Amino acid sequence: MVPDIETDGGTTEMSRDENVEMSRNAVRDGVLDAIGTVSLLGFSLLALFIGVRGFFIGSSMAISGGFVIISCLLAAAAFNLIPPFRD
């Protein structure tokens, strides 16, 4: 038995095309989120490497510390510990 639209609060059945489109959008969003997380972590590791290397070779402590701080911020953004940069 199909529920009546007027009596069940306005729910409607989705067509097959709408269902497939919603599934594709969900998968695409998930894949893009995973790629974004991996890329943020990659940039974080790069900034951490540059910062730590700067400490060991005697470079400017301010610049090396800045890279380490940027690395921590990028890692925190990748794990959603701070608000996202975009809307």
N, C-alpha and C. Protein backbone atom coordinates (compact mmCIF):
# COMPACT_ATOMS: atom_id res chain seq x y z
N MET A 1 0.83 -1.17 0.00
CA MET A 1 0.00 0.00 0.00
C MET A 1 0.89 1.24 0.00
N VAL A 2 0.62 2.15 -0.89
CA VAL A 2 1.37 3.40 -1.03
C VAL A 2 0.76 4.44 -0.10
N PRO A 3 1.57 5.10 0.75
CA PRO A 3 0.99 6.10 1.65
C PRO A 3 0.43 7.29 0.88
N ASP A 4 -0.64 7.83 1.39
CA ASP A 4 -1.27 9.00 0.79
C ASP A 4 -0.45 10.24 1.11
N ILE A 5 -0.16 11.05 0.11
CA ILE A 5 0.68 12.23 0.28
C ILE A 5 0.04 13.24 1.23
N GLU A 6 -1.27 13.37 1.18
CA GLU A 6 -1.94 14.38 2.00
C GLU A 6 -1.99 13.99 3.47
N THR A 7 -2.00 12.70 3.79
CA THR A 7 -2.17 12.29 5.18
C THR A 7 -0.86 11.94 5.89
N ASP A 8 0.23 11.77 5.17
CA ASP A 8 1.46 11.35 5.84
C ASP A 8 2.46 12.49 6.03
N GLY A 9 2.06 13.70 5.93
CA GLY A 9 2.95 14.82 6.18
C GLY A 9 3.68 15.34 4.96
N GLY A 10 3.32 14.91 3.78
CA GLY A 10 3.91 15.45 2.57
C GLY A 10 5.09 14.69 2.02
N THR A 11 5.33 13.46 2.45
CA THR A 11 6.44 12.70 1.88
C THR A 11 6.07 12.23 0.49
N THR A 12 7.06 12.19 -0.37
CA THR A 12 6.84 11.73 -1.73
C THR A 12 7.85 10.65 -2.05
N GLU A 13 7.51 9.82 -2.98
CA GLU A 13 8.42 8.78 -3.43
C GLU A 13 9.38 9.36 -4.46
N MET A 14 10.61 8.92 -4.39
CA MET A 14 11.61 9.38 -5.36
C MET A 14 11.63 8.44 -6.54
N SER A 15 11.86 9.00 -7.71
CA SER A 15 11.98 8.15 -8.88
C SER A 15 13.36 7.49 -8.88
N ARG A 16 13.55 6.54 -9.74
CA ARG A 16 14.82 5.83 -9.82
C ARG A 16 15.94 6.78 -10.22
N ASP A 17 15.67 7.69 -11.15
CA ASP A 17 16.69 8.64 -11.59
C ASP A 17 17.12 9.57 -10.46
N GLU A 18 16.17 10.04 -9.67
CA GLU A 18 16.50 10.92 -8.55
C GLU A 18 17.31 10.17 -7.50
N ASN A 19 16.96 8.91 -7.27
CA ASN A 19 17.68 8.10 -6.30
C ASN A 19 19.12 7.86 -6.75
N VAL A 20 19.32 7.55 -8.04
CA VAL A 20 20.66 7.34 -8.57
C VAL A 20 21.47 8.63 -8.51
N GLU A 21 20.84 9.75 -8.83
CA GLU A 21 21.54 11.03 -8.80
C GLU A 21 21.97 11.38 -7.37
N MET A 22 21.11 11.13 -6.40
CA MET A 22 21.45 11.42 -5.02
C MET A 22 22.60 10.52 -4.55
N SER A 23 22.59 9.27 -4.96
CA SER A 23 23.68 8.35 -4.60
C SER A 23 25.00 8.79 -5.21
N ARG A 24 24.95 9.19 -6.47
CA ARG A 24 26.18 9.65 -7.14
C ARG A 24 26.73 10.90 -6.47
N ASN A 25 25.86 11.83 -6.12
CA ASN A 25 26.31 13.05 -5.44
C ASN A 25 26.94 12.73 -4.09
N ALA A 26 26.36 11.79 -3.37
CA ALA A 26 26.90 11.42 -2.06
C ALA A 26 28.28 10.77 -2.21
N VAL A 27 28.43 9.89 -3.19
CA VAL A 27 29.73 9.25 -3.41
C VAL A 27 30.76 10.27 -3.86
N ARG A 28 30.37 11.16 -4.75
CA ARG A 28 31.30 12.19 -5.23
C ARG A 28 31.75 13.09 -4.09
N ASP A 29 30.84 13.50 -3.23
CA ASP A 29 31.20 14.32 -2.08
C ASP A 29 32.15 13.58 -1.14
N GLY A 30 31.89 12.30 -0.93
CA GLY A 30 32.76 11.50 -0.07
C GLY A 30 34.16 11.37 -0.64
N VAL A 31 34.25 11.13 -1.94
CA VAL A 31 35.57 10.99 -2.57
C VAL A 31 36.32 12.32 -2.53
N LEU A 32 35.64 13.42 -2.81
CA LEU A 32 36.30 14.73 -2.76
C LEU A 32 36.74 15.08 -1.34
N ASP A 33 35.96 14.71 -0.34
CA ASP A 33 36.36 14.94 1.04
C ASP A 33 37.60 14.12 1.39
N ALA A 34 37.64 12.88 0.93
CA ALA A 34 38.81 12.03 1.21
C ALA A 34 40.06 12.59 0.52
N ILE A 35 39.92 13.04 -0.72
CA ILE A 35 41.07 13.63 -1.43
C ILE A 35 41.52 14.89 -0.74
N GLY A 36 40.58 15.71 -0.28
CA GLY A 36 40.94 16.94 0.43
C GLY A 36 41.67 16.65 1.73
N THR A 37 41.22 15.65 2.46
CA THR A 37 41.87 15.29 3.73
C THR A 37 43.29 14.79 3.49
N VAL A 38 43.45 13.93 2.51
CA VAL A 38 44.79 13.40 2.21
C VAL A 38 45.72 14.51 1.74
N SER A 39 45.22 15.42 0.91
CA SER A 39 46.08 16.51 0.44
C SER A 39 46.45 17.46 1.57
N LEU A 40 45.52 17.76 2.47
CA LEU A 40 45.85 18.60 3.63
C LEU A 40 46.90 17.93 4.51
N LEU A 41 46.77 16.64 4.71
CA LEU A 41 47.77 15.94 5.51
C LEU A 41 49.12 15.91 4.81
N GLY A 42 49.12 15.79 3.49
CA GLY A 42 50.38 15.84 2.74
C GLY A 42 51.06 17.19 2.85
N PHE A 43 50.30 18.27 2.72
CA PHE A 43 50.87 19.60 2.88
C PHE A 43 51.35 19.82 4.31
N SER A 44 50.63 19.23 5.26
CA SER A 44 51.03 19.35 6.66
C SER A 44 52.37 18.66 6.89
N LEU A 45 52.54 17.47 6.34
CA LEU A 45 53.81 16.77 6.49
C LEU A 45 54.95 17.52 5.80
N LEU A 46 54.67 18.12 4.67
CA LEU A 46 55.69 18.90 3.98
C LEU A 46 56.11 20.11 4.81
N ALA A 47 55.14 20.82 5.36
CA ALA A 47 55.46 21.99 6.19
C ALA A 47 56.19 21.56 7.46
N LEU A 48 55.81 20.42 8.03
CA LEU A 48 56.51 19.92 9.22
C LEU A 48 57.95 19.56 8.89
N PHE A 49 58.17 18.92 7.76
CA PHE A 49 59.52 18.57 7.33
C PHE A 49 60.37 19.83 7.15
N ILE A 50 59.82 20.84 6.49
CA ILE A 50 60.56 22.08 6.27
C ILE A 50 60.89 22.75 7.60
N GLY A 51 59.92 22.79 8.51
CA GLY A 51 60.14 23.43 9.80
C GLY A 51 61.18 22.71 10.64
N VAL A 52 61.07 21.39 10.74
CA VAL A 52 62.02 20.62 11.55
C VAL A 52 63.40 20.66 10.92
N ARG A 53 63.47 20.59 9.61
CA ARG A 53 64.76 20.69 8.92
C ARG A 53 65.40 22.04 9.19
N GLY A 54 64.59 23.09 9.23
CA GLY A 54 65.11 24.42 9.53
C GLY A 54 65.70 24.50 10.93
N PHE A 55 65.10 23.80 11.88
CA PHE A 55 65.65 23.77 13.24
C PHE A 55 67.02 23.09 13.27
N PHE A 56 67.16 22.01 12.50
CA PHE A 56 68.39 21.23 12.55
C PHE A 56 69.55 21.85 11.76
N ILE A 57 69.27 22.59 10.70
CA ILE A 57 70.37 23.16 9.92
C ILE A 57 70.73 24.56 10.37
N GLY A 58 70.08 25.07 11.38
CA GLY A 58 70.43 26.39 11.92
C GLY A 58 69.82 27.54 11.14
N SER A 59 68.69 27.33 10.55
CA SER A 59 68.01 28.39 9.83
C SER A 59 67.32 29.32 10.83
N SER A 60 66.59 30.27 10.33
CA SER A 60 65.86 31.20 11.18
C SER A 60 64.84 30.46 12.04
N MET A 61 64.90 30.68 13.34
CA MET A 61 63.98 30.01 14.25
C MET A 61 62.54 30.48 14.02
N ALA A 62 62.35 31.74 13.68
CA ALA A 62 61.00 32.26 13.46
C ALA A 62 60.35 31.60 12.24
N ILE A 63 61.10 31.47 11.17
CA ILE A 63 60.55 30.85 9.96
C ILE A 63 60.30 29.36 10.20
N SER A 64 61.23 28.69 10.86
CA SER A 64 61.05 27.27 11.15
C SER A 64 59.86 27.05 12.07
N GLY A 65 59.72 27.88 13.08
CA GLY A 65 58.57 27.78 13.98
C GLY A 65 57.26 28.05 13.26
N GLY A 66 57.30 28.99 12.33
CA GLY A 66 56.11 29.29 11.53
C GLY A 66 55.66 28.10 10.71
N PHE A 67 56.63 27.40 10.12
CA PHE A 67 56.28 26.21 9.34
C PHE A 67 55.70 25.11 10.22
N VAL A 68 56.23 24.95 11.42
CA VAL A 68 55.70 23.93 12.33
C VAL A 68 54.27 24.31 12.76
N ILE A 69 54.04 25.58 13.03
CA ILE A 69 52.68 26.02 13.40
C ILE A 69 51.71 25.83 12.24
N ILE A 70 52.13 26.19 11.04
CA ILE A 70 51.28 25.98 9.85
C ILE A 70 50.99 24.50 9.67
N SER A 71 51.99 23.67 9.92
CA SER A 71 51.79 22.23 9.82
C SER A 71 50.72 21.74 10.80
N CYS A 72 50.78 22.23 12.02
CA CYS A 72 49.78 21.83 13.03
C CYS A 72 48.38 22.32 12.64
N LEU A 73 48.30 23.53 12.09
CA LEU A 73 46.99 24.06 11.67
C LEU A 73 46.41 23.25 10.50
N LEU A 74 47.26 22.87 9.56
CA LEU A 74 46.77 22.08 8.43
C LEU A 74 46.30 20.70 8.88
N ALA A 75 47.04 20.08 9.79
CA ALA A 75 46.62 18.77 10.31
C ALA A 75 45.30 18.90 11.08
N ALA A 76 45.16 19.96 11.87
CA ALA A 76 43.91 20.16 12.61
C ALA A 76 42.75 20.40 11.66
N ALA A 77 42.99 21.11 10.57
CA ALA A 77 41.93 21.34 9.58
C ALA A 77 41.55 20.04 8.87
N ALA A 78 42.53 19.18 8.64
CA ALA A 78 42.24 17.91 7.97
C ALA A 78 41.34 17.02 8.81
N PHE A 79 41.48 17.11 10.13
CA PHE A 79 40.66 16.28 11.02
C PHE A 79 39.47 17.04 11.60
N ASN A 80 39.15 18.20 11.02
CA ASN A 80 38.00 19.02 11.43
C ASN A 80 38.05 19.42 12.90
N LEU A 81 39.24 19.68 13.41
CA LEU A 81 39.39 20.15 14.78
C LEU A 81 39.23 21.66 14.87
N ILE A 82 39.41 22.35 13.75
CA ILE A 82 39.17 23.79 13.67
C ILE A 82 38.12 24.00 12.57
N PRO A 83 37.46 25.16 12.57
CA PRO A 83 36.44 25.39 11.53
C PRO A 83 37.07 25.33 10.13
N PRO A 84 36.33 24.86 9.15
CA PRO A 84 36.88 24.74 7.79
C PRO A 84 37.17 26.11 7.19
N PHE A 85 38.08 26.13 6.23
CA PHE A 85 38.47 27.37 5.55
C PHE A 85 37.40 27.84 4.59
N ARG A 86 36.59 26.94 4.12
CA ARG A 86 35.55 27.28 3.14
C ARG A 86 34.19 27.16 3.80
N ASP A 87 33.16 27.62 3.07
CA ASP A 87 31.79 27.52 3.58
C ASP A 87 31.20 26.17 3.33
